PDB file of N, CA and C in Angstrom:
ATOM      1  N   MET A   1       0.840  -1.194   0.000  1.00  0.00           N
ATOM      2  CA  MET A   1       0.000   0.000   0.000  1.00  0.00           C
ATOM      3  C   MET A   1       0.878   1.249   0.000  1.00  0.00           C
ATOM      4  N   GLN A   2       0.270   2.352  -0.297  1.00  0.00           N
ATOM      5  CA  GLN A   2       1.008   3.600  -0.385  1.00  0.00           C
ATOM      6  C   GLN A   2       1.162   4.286   0.974  1.00  0.00           C
ATOM      7  N   ASP A   3       2.040   5.243   1.006  1.00  0.00           N
ATOM      8  CA  ASP A   3       2.285   6.027   2.213  1.00  0.00           C
ATOM      9  C   ASP A   3       1.199   7.096   2.325  1.00  0.00           C
ATOM     10  N   TYR A   4       0.364   6.983   3.342  1.00  0.00           N
ATOM     11  CA  TYR A   4      -0.755   7.922   3.485  1.00  0.00           C
ATOM     12  C   TYR A   4      -0.297   9.361   3.668  1.00  0.00           C
ATOM     13  N   HIS A   5       0.925   9.565   4.171  1.00  0.00           N
ATOM     14  CA  HIS A   5       1.444  10.931   4.334  1.00  0.00           C
ATOM     15  C   HIS A   5       1.529  11.666   3.001  1.00  0.00           C
ATOM     16  N   LYS A   6       1.600  10.913   1.920  1.00  0.00           N
ATOM     17  CA  LYS A   6       1.727  11.515   0.587  1.00  0.00           C
ATOM     18  C   LYS A   6       0.374  11.800  -0.060  1.00  0.00           C
ATOM     19  N   LEU A   7      -0.701  11.379   0.567  1.00  0.00           N
ATOM     20  CA  LEU A   7      -2.034  11.593   0.010  1.00  0.00           C
ATOM     21  C   LEU A   7      -2.540  12.991   0.361  1.00  0.00           C
ATOM     22  N   THR A   8      -2.904  13.743  -0.653  1.00  0.00           N
ATOM     23  CA  THR A   8      -3.448  15.091  -0.431  1.00  0.00           C
ATOM     24  C   THR A   8      -4.715  15.037   0.405  1.00  0.00           C
ATOM     25  N   VAL A   9      -5.554  14.041   0.174  1.00  0.00           N
ATOM     26  CA  VAL A   9      -6.806  13.944   0.928  1.00  0.00           C
ATOM     27  C   VAL A   9      -6.528  13.711   2.409  1.00  0.00           C
ATOM     28  N   TRP A  10      -5.494  12.941   2.745  1.00  0.00           N
ATOM     29  CA  TRP A  10      -5.146  12.738   4.148  1.00  0.00           C
ATOM     30  C   TRP A  10      -4.696  14.056   4.780  1.00  0.00           C
ATOM     31  N   SER A  11      -3.876  14.806   4.053  1.00  0.00           N
ATOM     32  CA  SER A  11      -3.396  16.098   4.550  1.00  0.00           C
ATOM     33  C   SER A  11      -4.562  17.059   4.768  1.00  0.00           C
ATOM     34  N   ARG A  12      -5.479  17.110   3.819  1.00  0.00           N
ATOM     35  CA  ARG A  12      -6.660  17.978   3.966  1.00  0.00           C
ATOM     36  C   ARG A  12      -7.543  17.513   5.118  1.00  0.00           C
ATOM     37  N   ALA A  13      -7.648  16.207   5.302  1.00  0.00           N
ATOM     38  CA  ALA A  13      -8.443  15.677   6.413  1.00  0.00           C
ATOM     39  C   ALA A  13      -7.794  16.011   7.756  1.00  0.00           C
ATOM     40  N   MET A  14      -6.475  16.006   7.803  1.00  0.00           N
ATOM     41  CA  MET A  14      -5.772  16.412   9.029  1.00  0.00           C
ATOM     42  C   MET A  14      -6.055  17.887   9.327  1.00  0.00           C
ATOM     43  N   ASP A  15      -6.001  18.737   8.306  1.00  0.00           N
ATOM     44  CA  ASP A  15      -6.337  20.157   8.483  1.00  0.00           C
ATOM     45  C   ASP A  15      -7.775  20.319   8.961  1.00  0.00           C
ATOM     46  N   LEU A  16      -8.670  19.520   8.380  1.00  0.00           N
ATOM     47  CA  LEU A  16     -10.076  19.568   8.766  1.00  0.00           C
ATOM     48  C   LEU A  16     -10.241  19.223  10.244  1.00  0.00           C
ATOM     49  N   ALA A  17      -9.568  18.185  10.703  1.00  0.00           N
ATOM     50  CA  ALA A  17      -9.661  17.802  12.121  1.00  0.00           C
ATOM     51  C   ALA A  17      -9.155  18.927  13.015  1.00  0.00           C
ATOM     52  N   GLU A  18      -8.040  19.514  12.639  1.00  0.00           N
ATOM     53  CA  GLU A  18      -7.490  20.632  13.412  1.00  0.00           C
ATOM     54  C   GLU A  18      -8.468  21.799  13.445  1.00  0.00           C
ATOM     55  N   ASN A  19      -9.066  22.105  12.306  1.00  0.00           N
ATOM     56  CA  ASN A  19     -10.013  23.219  12.233  1.00  0.00           C
ATOM     57  C   ASN A  19     -11.310  22.919  12.976  1.00  0.00           C
ATOM     58  N   CYS A  20     -11.673  21.663  13.035  1.00  0.00           N
ATOM     59  CA  CYS A  20     -12.857  21.276  13.797  1.00  0.00           C
ATOM     60  C   CYS A  20     -12.627  21.533  15.281  1.00  0.00           C
ATOM     61  N   TYR A  21     -11.461  21.155  15.785  1.00  0.00           N
ATOM     62  CA  TYR A  21     -11.137  21.422  17.187  1.00  0.00           C
ATOM     63  C   TYR A  21     -11.181  22.929  17.465  1.00  0.00           C
ATOM     64  N   ALA A  22     -10.660  23.721  16.539  1.00  0.00           N
ATOM     65  CA  ALA A  22     -10.673  25.179  16.714  1.00  0.00           C
ATOM     66  C   ALA A  22     -12.105  25.711  16.719  1.00  0.00           C
ATOM     67  N   ALA A  23     -12.943  25.193  15.834  1.00  0.00           N
ATOM     68  CA  ALA A  23     -14.328  25.669  15.740  1.00  0.00           C
ATOM     69  C   ALA A  23     -15.142  25.298  16.972  1.00  0.00           C
ATOM     70  N   THR A  24     -14.905  24.119  17.519  1.00  0.00           N
ATOM     71  CA  THR A  24     -15.705  23.679  18.668  1.00  0.00           C
ATOM     72  C   THR A  24     -15.190  24.248  19.989  1.00  0.00           C
ATOM     73  N   ARG A  25     -13.996  24.797  19.975  1.00  0.00           N
ATOM     74  CA  ARG A  25     -13.425  25.373  21.200  1.00  0.00           C
ATOM     75  C   ARG A  25     -14.298  26.506  21.749  1.00  0.00           C
ATOM     76  N   CYS A  26     -15.018  27.196  20.869  1.00  0.00           N
ATOM     77  CA  CYS A  26     -15.841  28.321  21.320  1.00  0.00           C
ATOM     78  C   CYS A  26     -17.275  27.911  21.657  1.00  0.00           C
ATOM     79  N   PHE A  27     -17.588  26.624  21.561  1.00  0.00           N
ATOM     80  CA  PHE A  27     -18.921  26.165  21.928  1.00  0.00           C
ATOM     81  C   PHE A  27     -19.113  26.344  23.434  1.00  0.00           C
ATOM     82  N   PRO A  28     -20.353  26.448  23.878  1.00  0.00           N
ATOM     83  CA  PRO A  28     -20.605  26.546  25.319  1.00  0.00           C
ATOM     84  C   PRO A  28     -20.026  25.330  26.052  1.00  0.00           C
ATOM     85  N   THR A  29     -19.589  25.545  27.279  1.00  0.00           N
ATOM     86  CA  THR A  29     -18.988  24.443  28.044  1.00  0.00           C
ATOM     87  C   THR A  29     -19.978  23.301  28.274  1.00  0.00           C
ATOM     88  N   THR A  30     -21.260  23.615  28.234  1.00  0.00           N
ATOM     89  CA  THR A  30     -22.272  22.565  28.399  1.00  0.00           C
ATOM     90  C   THR A  30     -22.238  21.568  27.245  1.00  0.00           C
ATOM     91  N   GLU A  31     -21.625  21.963  26.136  1.00  0.00           N
ATOM     92  CA  GLU A  31     -21.538  21.084  24.963  1.00  0.00           C
ATOM     93  C   GLU A  31     -20.198  20.360  24.868  1.00  0.00           C
ATOM     94  N   ARG A  32     -19.326  20.560  25.834  1.00  0.00           N
ATOM     95  CA  ARG A  32     -17.990  19.966  25.774  1.00  0.00           C
ATOM     96  C   ARG A  32     -18.058  18.445  25.613  1.00  0.00           C
ATOM     97  N   PHE A  33     -19.005  17.803  26.290  1.00  0.00           N
ATOM     98  CA  PHE A  33     -19.140  16.349  26.193  1.00  0.00           C
ATOM     99  C   PHE A  33     -20.316  15.959  25.296  1.00  0.00           C
ATOM    100  N   GLY A  34     -20.878  16.942  24.620  1.00  0.00           N
ATOM    101  CA  GLY A  34     -22.000  16.687  23.721  1.00  0.00           C
ATOM    102  C   GLY A  34     -21.558  16.750  22.275  1.00  0.00           C
ATOM    103  N   ILE A  35     -22.159  17.664  21.555  1.00  0.00           N
ATOM    104  CA  ILE A  35     -21.920  17.738  20.117  1.00  0.00           C
ATOM    105  C   ILE A  35     -20.469  18.123  19.787  1.00  0.00           C
ATOM    106  N   ALA A  36     -19.832  18.919  20.633  1.00  0.00           N
ATOM    107  CA  ALA A  36     -18.433  19.292  20.369  1.00  0.00           C
ATOM    108  C   ALA A  36     -17.547  18.046  20.372  1.00  0.00           C
ATOM    109  N   SER A  37     -17.736  17.209  21.352  1.00  0.00           N
ATOM    110  CA  SER A  37     -16.956  15.969  21.434  1.00  0.00           C
ATOM    111  C   SER A  37     -17.252  15.060  20.247  1.00  0.00           C
ATOM    112  N   GLN A  38     -18.505  14.951  19.891  1.00  0.00           N
ATOM    113  CA  GLN A  38     -18.895  14.094  18.765  1.00  0.00           C
ATOM    114  C   GLN A  38     -18.310  14.617  17.453  1.00  0.00           C
ATOM    115  N   MET A  39     -18.340  15.931  17.270  1.00  0.00           N
ATOM    116  CA  MET A  39     -17.764  16.513  16.049  1.00  0.00           C
ATOM    117  C   MET A  39     -16.268  16.229  15.965  1.00  0.00           C
ATOM    118  N   ASN A  40     -15.574  16.397  17.086  1.00  0.00           N
ATOM    119  CA  ASN A  40     -14.135  16.154  17.086  1.00  0.00           C
ATOM    120  C   ASN A  40     -13.816  14.689  16.805  1.00  0.00           C
ATOM    121  N   ARG A  41     -14.603  13.784  17.372  1.00  0.00           N
ATOM    122  CA  ARG A  41     -14.384  12.355  17.098  1.00  0.00           C
ATOM    123  C   ARG A  41     -14.622  12.039  15.627  1.00  0.00           C
ATOM    124  N   SER A  42     -15.670  12.607  15.049  1.00  0.00           N
ATOM    125  CA  SER A  42     -15.941  12.384  13.631  1.00  0.00           C
ATOM    126  C   SER A  42     -14.808  12.925  12.766  1.00  0.00           C
ATOM    127  N   ALA A  43     -14.330  14.112  13.122  1.00  0.00           N
ATOM    128  CA  ALA A  43     -13.256  14.739  12.348  1.00  0.00           C
ATOM    129  C   ALA A  43     -11.970  13.922  12.415  1.00  0.00           C
ATOM    130  N   VAL A  44     -11.639  13.404  13.581  1.00  0.00           N
ATOM    131  CA  VAL A  44     -10.429  12.591  13.748  1.00  0.00           C
ATOM    132  C   VAL A  44     -10.563  11.270  12.985  1.00  0.00           C
ATOM    133  N   SER A  45     -11.762  10.751  12.932  1.00  0.00           N
ATOM    134  CA  SER A  45     -12.008   9.475  12.267  1.00  0.00           C
ATOM    135  C   SER A  45     -11.686   9.532  10.770  1.00  0.00           C
ATOM    136  N   ILE A  46     -11.814  10.686  10.161  1.00  0.00           N
ATOM    137  CA  ILE A  46     -11.598  10.784   8.714  1.00  0.00           C
ATOM    138  C   ILE A  46     -10.143  10.470   8.346  1.00  0.00           C
ATOM    139  N   PRO A  47      -9.158  11.237   8.837  1.00  0.00           N
ATOM    140  CA  PRO A  47      -7.777  10.891   8.469  1.00  0.00           C
ATOM    141  C   PRO A  47      -7.326   9.557   9.067  1.00  0.00           C
ATOM    142  N   ALA A  48      -7.892   9.182  10.222  1.00  0.00           N
ATOM    143  CA  ALA A  48      -7.514   7.904  10.834  1.00  0.00           C
ATOM    144  C   ALA A  48      -7.928   6.731   9.947  1.00  0.00           C
ATOM    145  N   ASN A  49      -9.114   6.797   9.375  1.00  0.00           N
ATOM    146  CA  ASN A  49      -9.564   5.725   8.485  1.00  0.00           C
ATOM    147  C   ASN A  49      -8.768   5.700   7.184  1.00  0.00           C
ATOM    148  N   ILE A  50      -8.397   6.862   6.679  1.00  0.00           N
ATOM    149  CA  ILE A  50      -7.551   6.901   5.479  1.00  0.00           C
ATOM    150  C   ILE A  50      -6.224   6.213   5.780  1.00  0.00           C
ATOM    151  N   ALA A  51      -5.626   6.556   6.907  1.00  0.00           N
ATOM    152  CA  ALA A  51      -4.338   5.965   7.290  1.00  0.00           C
ATOM    153  C   ALA A  51      -4.474   4.461   7.505  1.00  0.00           C
ATOM    154  N   GLU A  52      -5.521   4.047   8.203  1.00  0.00           N
ATOM    155  CA  GLU A  52      -5.695   2.615   8.455  1.00  0.00           C
ATOM    156  C   GLU A  52      -5.907   1.857   7.145  1.00  0.00           C
ATOM    157  N   GLY A  53      -6.671   2.435   6.258  1.00  0.00           N
ATOM    158  CA  GLY A  53      -6.890   1.792   4.956  1.00  0.00           C
ATOM    159  C   GLY A  53      -5.605   1.621   4.172  1.00  0.00           C
ATOM    160  N   CYS A  54      -4.730   2.622   4.257  1.00  0.00           N
ATOM    161  CA  CYS A  54      -3.432   2.517   3.585  1.00  0.00           C
ATOM    162  C   CYS A  54      -2.596   1.388   4.170  1.00  0.00           C
ATOM    163  N   GLY A  55      -2.807   1.108   5.429  1.00  0.00           N
ATOM    164  CA  GLY A  55      -2.041   0.062   6.088  1.00  0.00           C
ATOM    165  C   GLY A  55      -2.553  -1.338   5.806  1.00  0.00           C
ATOM    166  N   ARG A  56      -3.681  -1.430   5.173  1.00  0.00           N
ATOM    167  CA  ARG A  56      -4.252  -2.736   4.839  1.00  0.00           C
ATOM    168  C   ARG A  56      -3.560  -3.285   3.595  1.00  0.00           C
ATOM    169  N   GLY A  57      -3.696  -4.566   3.378  1.00  0.00           N
ATOM    170  CA  GLY A  57      -2.943  -5.225   2.322  1.00  0.00           C
ATOM    171  C   GLY A  57      -3.543  -5.191   0.934  1.00  0.00           C
ATOM    172  N   THR A  58      -4.806  -4.790   0.832  1.00  0.00           N
ATOM    173  CA  THR A  58      -5.439  -4.858  -0.483  1.00  0.00           C
ATOM    174  C   THR A  58      -6.148  -3.551  -0.821  1.00  0.00           C
ATOM    175  N   ASN A  59      -6.344  -3.329  -2.097  1.00  0.00           N
ATOM    176  CA  ASN A  59      -7.106  -2.159  -2.532  1.00  0.00           C
ATOM    177  C   ASN A  59      -8.570  -2.269  -2.107  1.00  0.00           C
ATOM    178  N   ARG A  60      -9.076  -3.490  -2.028  1.00  0.00           N
ATOM    179  CA  ARG A  60     -10.466  -3.682  -1.575  1.00  0.00           C
ATOM    180  C   ARG A  60     -10.619  -3.172  -0.142  1.00  0.00           C
ATOM    181  N   ASP A  61      -9.670  -3.521   0.729  1.00  0.00           N
ATOM    182  CA  ASP A  61      -9.707  -3.033   2.104  1.00  0.00           C
ATOM    183  C   ASP A  61      -9.513  -1.516   2.155  1.00  0.00           C
ATOM    184  N   PHE A  62      -8.591  -1.023   1.341  1.00  0.00           N
ATOM    185  CA  PHE A  62      -8.344   0.420   1.297  1.00  0.00           C
ATOM    186  C   PHE A  62      -9.619   1.155   0.913  1.00  0.00           C
ATOM    187  N   ALA A  63     -10.307   0.672  -0.122  1.00  0.00           N
ATOM    188  CA  ALA A  63     -11.559   1.306  -0.562  1.00  0.00           C
ATOM    189  C   ALA A  63     -12.605   1.268   0.548  1.00  0.00           C
ATOM    190  N   ARG A  64     -12.650   0.154   1.291  1.00  0.00           N
ATOM    191  CA  ARG A  64     -13.626   0.033   2.389  1.00  0.00           C
ATOM    192  C   ARG A  64     -13.358   1.096   3.458  1.00  0.00           C
ATOM    193  N   PHE A  65     -12.090   1.301   3.810  1.00  0.00           N
ATOM    194  CA  PHE A  65     -11.765   2.301   4.822  1.00  0.00           C
ATOM    195  C   PHE A  65     -11.957   3.722   4.298  1.00  0.00           C
ATOM    196  N   LEU A  66     -11.749   3.925   3.013  1.00  0.00           N
ATOM    197  CA  LEU A  66     -12.043   5.238   2.434  1.00  0.00           C
ATOM    198  C   LEU A  66     -13.537   5.530   2.515  1.00  0.00           C
ATOM    199  N   ARG A  67     -14.340   4.503   2.323  1.00  0.00           N
ATOM    200  CA  ARG A  67     -15.798   4.689   2.455  1.00  0.00           C
ATOM    201  C   ARG A  67     -16.176   5.018   3.896  1.00  0.00           C
ATOM    202  N   MET A  68     -15.490   4.409   4.854  1.00  0.00           N
ATOM    203  CA  MET A  68     -15.743   4.743   6.268  1.00  0.00           C
ATOM    204  C   MET A  68     -15.350   6.191   6.545  1.00  0.00           C
ATOM    205  N   ALA A  69     -14.237   6.626   5.959  1.00  0.00           N
ATOM    206  CA  ALA A  69     -13.822   8.024   6.116  1.00  0.00           C
ATOM    207  C   ALA A  69     -14.880   8.947   5.524  1.00  0.00           C
ATOM    208  N   TYR A  70     -15.424   8.566   4.380  1.00  0.00           N
ATOM    209  CA  TYR A  70     -16.481   9.354   3.736  1.00  0.00           C
ATOM    210  C   TYR A  70     -17.709   9.435   4.646  1.00  0.00           C
ATOM    211  N   ALA A  71     -18.067   8.307   5.241  1.00  0.00           N
ATOM    212  CA  ALA A  71     -19.221   8.282   6.149  1.00  0.00           C
ATOM    213  C   ALA A  71     -18.982   9.182   7.356  1.00  0.00           C
ATOM    214  N   SER A  72     -17.771   9.185   7.876  1.00  0.00           N
ATOM    215  CA  SER A  72     -17.448  10.071   9.003  1.00  0.00           C
ATOM    216  C   SER A  72     -17.536  11.532   8.583  1.00  0.00           C
ATOM    217  N   ALA A  73     -17.160  11.822   7.348  1.00  0.00           N
ATOM    218  CA  ALA A  73     -17.274  13.191   6.838  1.00  0.00           C
ATOM    219  C   ALA A  73     -18.746  13.606   6.736  1.00  0.00           C
ATOM    220  N   CYS A  74     -19.596  12.682   6.309  1.00  0.00           N
ATOM    221  CA  CYS A  74     -21.041  12.973   6.268  1.00  0.00           C
ATOM    222  C   CYS A  74     -21.574  13.236   7.673  1.00  0.00           C
ATOM    223  N   GLU A  75     -21.106  12.439   8.623  1.00  0.00           N
ATOM    224  CA  GLU A  75     -21.516  12.625  10.013  1.00  0.00           C
ATOM    225  C   GLU A  75     -21.073  13.992  10.526  1.00  0.00           C
ATOM    226  N   LEU A  76     -19.831  14.359  10.247  1.00  0.00           N
ATOM    227  CA  LEU A  76     -19.317  15.649  10.698  1.00  0.00           C
ATOM    228  C   LEU A  76     -20.102  16.795  10.078  1.00  0.00           C
ATOM    229  N   GLU A  77     -20.412  16.688   8.799  1.00  0.00           N
ATOM    230  CA  GLU A  77     -21.188  17.758   8.162  1.00  0.00           C
ATOM    231  C   GLU A  77     -22.545  17.916   8.849  1.00  0.00           C
ATOM    232  N   THR A  78     -23.197  16.814   9.137  1.00  0.00           N
ATOM    233  CA  THR A  78     -24.506  16.863   9.796  1.00  0.00           C
ATOM    234  C   THR A  78     -24.406  17.503  11.176  1.00  0.00           C
ATOM    235  N   GLU A  79     -23.385  17.127  11.919  1.00  0.00           N
ATOM    236  CA  GLU A  79     -23.197  17.703  13.255  1.00  0.00           C
ATOM    237  C   GLU A  79     -22.910  19.196  13.178  1.00  0.00           C
ATOM    238  N   ALA A  80     -22.122  19.615  12.196  1.00  0.00           N
ATOM    239  CA  ALA A  80     -21.832  21.046  12.026  1.00  0.00           C
ATOM    240  C   ALA A  80     -23.094  21.805  11.633  1.00  0.00           C
ATOM    241  N   LEU A  81     -23.919  21.204  10.792  1.00  0.00           N
ATOM    242  CA  LEU A  81     -25.182  21.846  10.410  1.00  0.00           C
ATOM    243  C   LEU A  81     -26.107  21.991  11.620  1.00  0.00           C
ATOM    244  N   ILE A  82     -26.150  20.974  12.460  1.00  0.00           N
ATOM    245  CA  ILE A  82     -26.970  21.053  13.680  1.00  0.00           C
ATOM    246  C   ILE A  82     -26.427  22.150  14.592  1.00  0.00           C
ATOM    247  N   ALA A  83     -25.113  22.172  14.788  1.00  0.00           N
ATOM    248  CA  ALA A  83     -24.508  23.205  15.645  1.00  0.00           C
ATOM    249  C   ALA A  83     -24.828  24.599  15.122  1.00  0.00           C
ATOM    250  N   LYS A  84     -24.802  24.753  13.812  1.00  0.00           N
ATOM    251  CA  LYS A  84     -25.128  26.038  13.201  1.00  0.00           C
ATOM    252  C   LYS A  84     -26.604  26.378  13.423  1.00  0.00           C
ATOM    253  N   ARG A  85     -27.482  25.393  13.219  1.00  0.00           N
ATOM    254  CA  ARG A  85     -28.923  25.634  13.358  1.00  0.00           C
ATOM    255  C   ARG A  85     -29.319  26.017  14.775  1.00  0.00           C
ATOM    256  N   VAL A  86     -28.640  25.430  15.763  1.00  0.00           N
ATOM    257  CA  VAL A  86     -29.021  25.726  17.148  1.00  0.00           C
ATOM    258  C   VAL A  86     -28.193  26.863  17.733  1.00  0.00           C
ATOM    259  N   GLY A  87     -27.308  27.442  16.923  1.00  0.00           N
ATOM    260  CA  GLY A  87     -26.581  28.638  17.341  1.00  0.00           C
ATOM    261  C   GLY A  87     -25.492  28.422  18.382  1.00  0.00           C
ATOM    262  N   LEU A  88     -24.729  27.341  18.252  1.00  0.00           N
ATOM    263  CA  LEU A  88     -23.674  27.080  19.234  1.00  0.00           C
ATOM    264  C   LEU A  88     -22.449  27.971  19.057  1.00  0.00           C
ATOM    265  N   SER A  89     -22.349  28.631  17.913  1.00  0.00           N
ATOM    266  CA  SER A  89     -21.251  29.578  17.687  1.00  0.00           C
ATOM    267  C   SER A  89     -21.664  30.525  16.572  1.00  0.00           C
ATOM    268  N   GLU A  90     -20.789  31.429  16.253  1.00  0.00           N
ATOM    269  CA  GLU A  90     -21.022  32.283  15.095  1.00  0.00           C
ATOM    270  C   GLU A  90     -21.107  31.384  13.860  1.00  0.00           C
ATOM    271  N   PRO A  91     -21.921  31.736  12.879  1.00  0.00           N
ATOM    272  CA  PRO A  91     -22.082  30.864  11.712  1.00  0.00           C
ATOM    273  C   PRO A  91     -20.819  30.703  10.854  1.00  0.00           C
ATOM    274  N   ALA A  92     -19.993  31.732  10.747  1.00  0.00           N
ATOM    275  CA  ALA A  92     -18.859  31.706   9.816  1.00  0.00           C
ATOM    276  C   ALA A  92     -17.900  30.525  10.033  1.00  0.00           C
ATOM    277  N   PRO A  93     -17.451  30.246  11.269  1.00  0.00           N
ATOM    278  CA  PRO A  93     -16.536  29.101  11.431  1.00  0.00           C
ATOM    279  C   PRO A  93     -17.173  27.769  11.045  1.00  0.00           C
ATOM    280  N   LEU A  94     -18.450  27.627  11.333  1.00  0.00           N
ATOM    281  CA  LEU A  94     -19.130  26.382  10.991  1.00  0.00           C
ATOM    282  C   LEU A  94     -19.339  26.272   9.485  1.00  0.00           C
ATOM    283  N   GLU A  95     -19.632  27.384   8.833  1.00  0.00           N
ATOM    284  CA  GLU A  95     -19.773  27.368   7.375  1.00  0.00           C
ATOM    285  C   GLU A  95     -18.448  27.011   6.710  1.00  0.00           C
ATOM    286  N   GLN A  96     -17.355  27.543   7.235  1.00  0.00           N
ATOM    287  CA  GLN A  96     -16.029  27.212   6.717  1.00  0.00           C
ATOM    288  C   GLN A  96     -15.745  25.726   6.912  1.00  0.00           C
ATOM    289  N   LEU A  97     -16.089  25.207   8.076  1.00  0.00           N
ATOM    290  CA  LEU A  97     -15.889  23.790   8.356  1.00  0.00           C
ATOM    291  C   LEU A  97     -16.706  22.928   7.393  1.00  0.00           C
ATOM    292  N   ILE A  98     -17.930  23.313   7.152  1.00  0.00           N
ATOM    293  CA  ILE A  98     -18.792  22.574   6.220  1.00  0.00           C
ATOM    294  C   ILE A  98     -18.194  22.590   4.815  1.00  0.00           C
ATOM    295  N   ASP A  99     -17.674  23.722   4.394  1.00  0.00           N
ATOM    296  CA  ASP A  99     -17.015  23.803   3.084  1.00  0.00           C
ATOM    297  C   ASP A  99     -15.819  22.854   3.012  1.00  0.00           C
ATOM    298  N   GLU A 100     -15.035  22.820   4.077  1.00  0.00           N
ATOM    299  CA  GLU A 100     -13.869  21.915   4.119  1.00  0.00           C
ATOM    300  C   GLU A 100     -14.311  20.457   4.081  1.00  0.00           C
ATOM    301  N   VAL A 101     -15.352  20.130   4.820  1.00  0.00           N
ATOM    302  CA  VAL A 101     -15.866  18.758   4.822  1.00  0.00           C
ATOM    303  C   VAL A 101     -16.283  18.361   3.410  1.00  0.00           C
ATOM    304  N   ASN A 102     -16.973  19.241   2.738  1.00  0.00           N
ATOM    305  CA  ASN A 102     -17.435  18.921   1.387  1.00  0.00           C
ATOM    306  C   ASN A 102     -16.273  18.739   0.417  1.00  0.00           C
ATOM    307  N   GLU A 103     -15.212  19.520   0.585  1.00  0.00           N
ATOM    308  CA  GLU A 103     -14.026  19.344  -0.254  1.00  0.00           C
ATOM    309  C   GLU A 103     -13.392  17.974   0.001  1.00  0.00           C
ATOM    310  N   VAL A 104     -13.245  17.603   1.264  1.00  0.00           N
ATOM    311  CA  VAL A 104     -12.662  16.304   1.610  1.00  0.00           C
ATOM    312  C   VAL A 104     -13.553  15.181   1.085  1.00  0.00           C
ATOM    313  N   ARG A 105     -14.858  15.339   1.192  1.00  0.00           N
ATOM    314  CA  ARG A 105     -15.774  14.315   0.671  1.00  0.00           C
ATOM    315  C   ARG A 105     -15.609  14.140  -0.830  1.00  0.00           C
ATOM    316  N   ARG A 106     -15.483  15.230  -1.569  1.00  0.00           N
ATOM    317  CA  ARG A 106     -15.272  15.127  -3.022  1.00  0.00           C
ATOM    318  C   ARG A 106     -13.970  14.389  -3.323  1.00  0.00           C
ATOM    319  N   MET A 107     -12.926  14.721  -2.573  1.00  0.00           N
ATOM    320  CA  MET A 107     -11.636  14.059  -2.778  1.00  0.00           C
ATOM    321  C   MET A 107     -11.721  12.567  -2.447  1.00  0.00           C
ATOM    322  N   LEU A 108     -12.391  12.242  -1.353  1.00  0.00           N
ATOM    323  CA  LEU A 108     -12.559  10.838  -0.982  1.00  0.00           C
ATOM    324  C   LEU A 108     -13.351  10.079  -2.030  1.00  0.00           C
ATOM    325  N   ASN A 109     -14.397  10.689  -2.526  1.00  0.00           N
ATOM    326  CA  ASN A 109     -15.231  10.050  -3.539  1.00  0.00           C
ATOM    327  C   ASN A 109     -14.396   9.698  -4.770  1.00  0.00           C
ATOM    328  N   GLY A 110     -13.567  10.637  -5.212  1.00  0.00           N
ATOM    329  CA  GLY A 110     -12.712  10.381  -6.365  1.00  0.00           C
ATOM    330  C   GLY A 110     -11.704   9.282  -6.100  1.00  0.00           C
ATOM    331  N   LEU A 111     -11.117   9.282  -4.912  1.00  0.00           N
ATOM    332  CA  LEU A 111     -10.128   8.269  -4.573  1.00  0.00           C
ATOM    333  C   LEU A 111     -10.775   6.899  -4.437  1.00  0.00           C
ATOM    334  N   VAL A 112     -11.961   6.842  -3.869  1.00  0.00           N
ATOM    335  CA  VAL A 112     -12.681   5.555  -3.752  1.00  0.00           C
ATOM    336  C   VAL A 112     -12.901   4.975  -5.146  1.00  0.00           C
ATOM    337  N   LYS A 113     -13.349   5.791  -6.076  1.00  0.00           N
ATOM    338  CA  LYS A 113     -13.589   5.304  -7.443  1.00  0.00           C
ATOM    339  C   LYS A 113     -12.305   4.771  -8.059  1.00  0.00           C
ATOM    340  N   GLN A 114     -11.212   5.495  -7.864  1.00  0.00           N
ATOM    341  CA  GLN A 114      -9.927   5.095  -8.418  1.00  0.00           C
ATOM    342  C   GLN A 114      -9.443   3.783  -7.794  1.00  0.00           C
ATOM    343  N   VAL A 115      -9.509   3.693  -6.482  1.00  0.00           N
ATOM    344  CA  VAL A 115      -9.005   2.502  -5.788  1.00  0.00           C
ATOM    345  C   VAL A 115      -9.913   1.297  -6.058  1.00  0.00           C
ATOM    346  N   ALA A 116     -11.217   1.510  -6.040  1.00  0.00           N
ATOM    347  CA  ALA A 116     -12.152   0.418  -6.266  1.00  0.00           C
ATOM    348  C   ALA A 116     -12.014  -0.162  -7.671  1.00  0.00           C
ATOM    349  N   ALA A 117     -11.650   0.675  -8.629  1.00  0.00           N
ATOM    350  CA  ALA A 117     -11.476   0.214 -10.004  1.00  0.00           C
ATOM    351  C   ALA A 117     -10.286  -0.736 -10.140  1.00  0.00           C
ATOM    352  N   THR A 118      -9.366  -0.639  -9.196  1.00  0.00           N
ATOM    353  CA  THR A 118      -8.176  -1.504  -9.234  1.00  0.00           C
ATOM    354  C   THR A 118      -8.166  -2.506  -8.087  1.00  0.00           C
ATOM    355  N   ALA A 119      -9.348  -2.734  -7.480  1.00  0.00           N
ATOM    356  CA  ALA A 119      -9.436  -3.640  -6.337  1.00  0.00           C
ATOM    357  C   ALA A 119      -9.015  -5.039  -6.736  1.00  0.00           C
ATOM    358  N   ASP A 120      -8.351  -5.692  -5.814  1.00  0.00           N
ATOM    359  CA  ASP A 120      -7.800  -7.042  -6.048  1.00  0.00           C
ATOM    360  C   ASP A 120      -8.900  -8.058  -6.264  1.00  0.00           C
TER     361      ASP A 120
END
């Protein structure tokens, strides 16, 4: 398998996780163990699944983990939309986060298609 450090989508997913932590830092303390924690876990899951998939022995496994990363990105987008709707922070940081999630999702979708086409 390839070195995940060289994947642009992994790098963007790492940035997304970092930005998610920054965005949730301003949430009310009552949400520290609620939606903020869930958003951070979802964000971390994206690059973690990409890395784990790279560590697997087959393209079929890699594609499966990329799909899990995609699912985590969908989860994060939903959580950010909920946080925005209920007013947990100013809208701008959450809108930026949603834009980043959508970019990572597009990249994952393209990579899944590429890897799945060459699955063992």
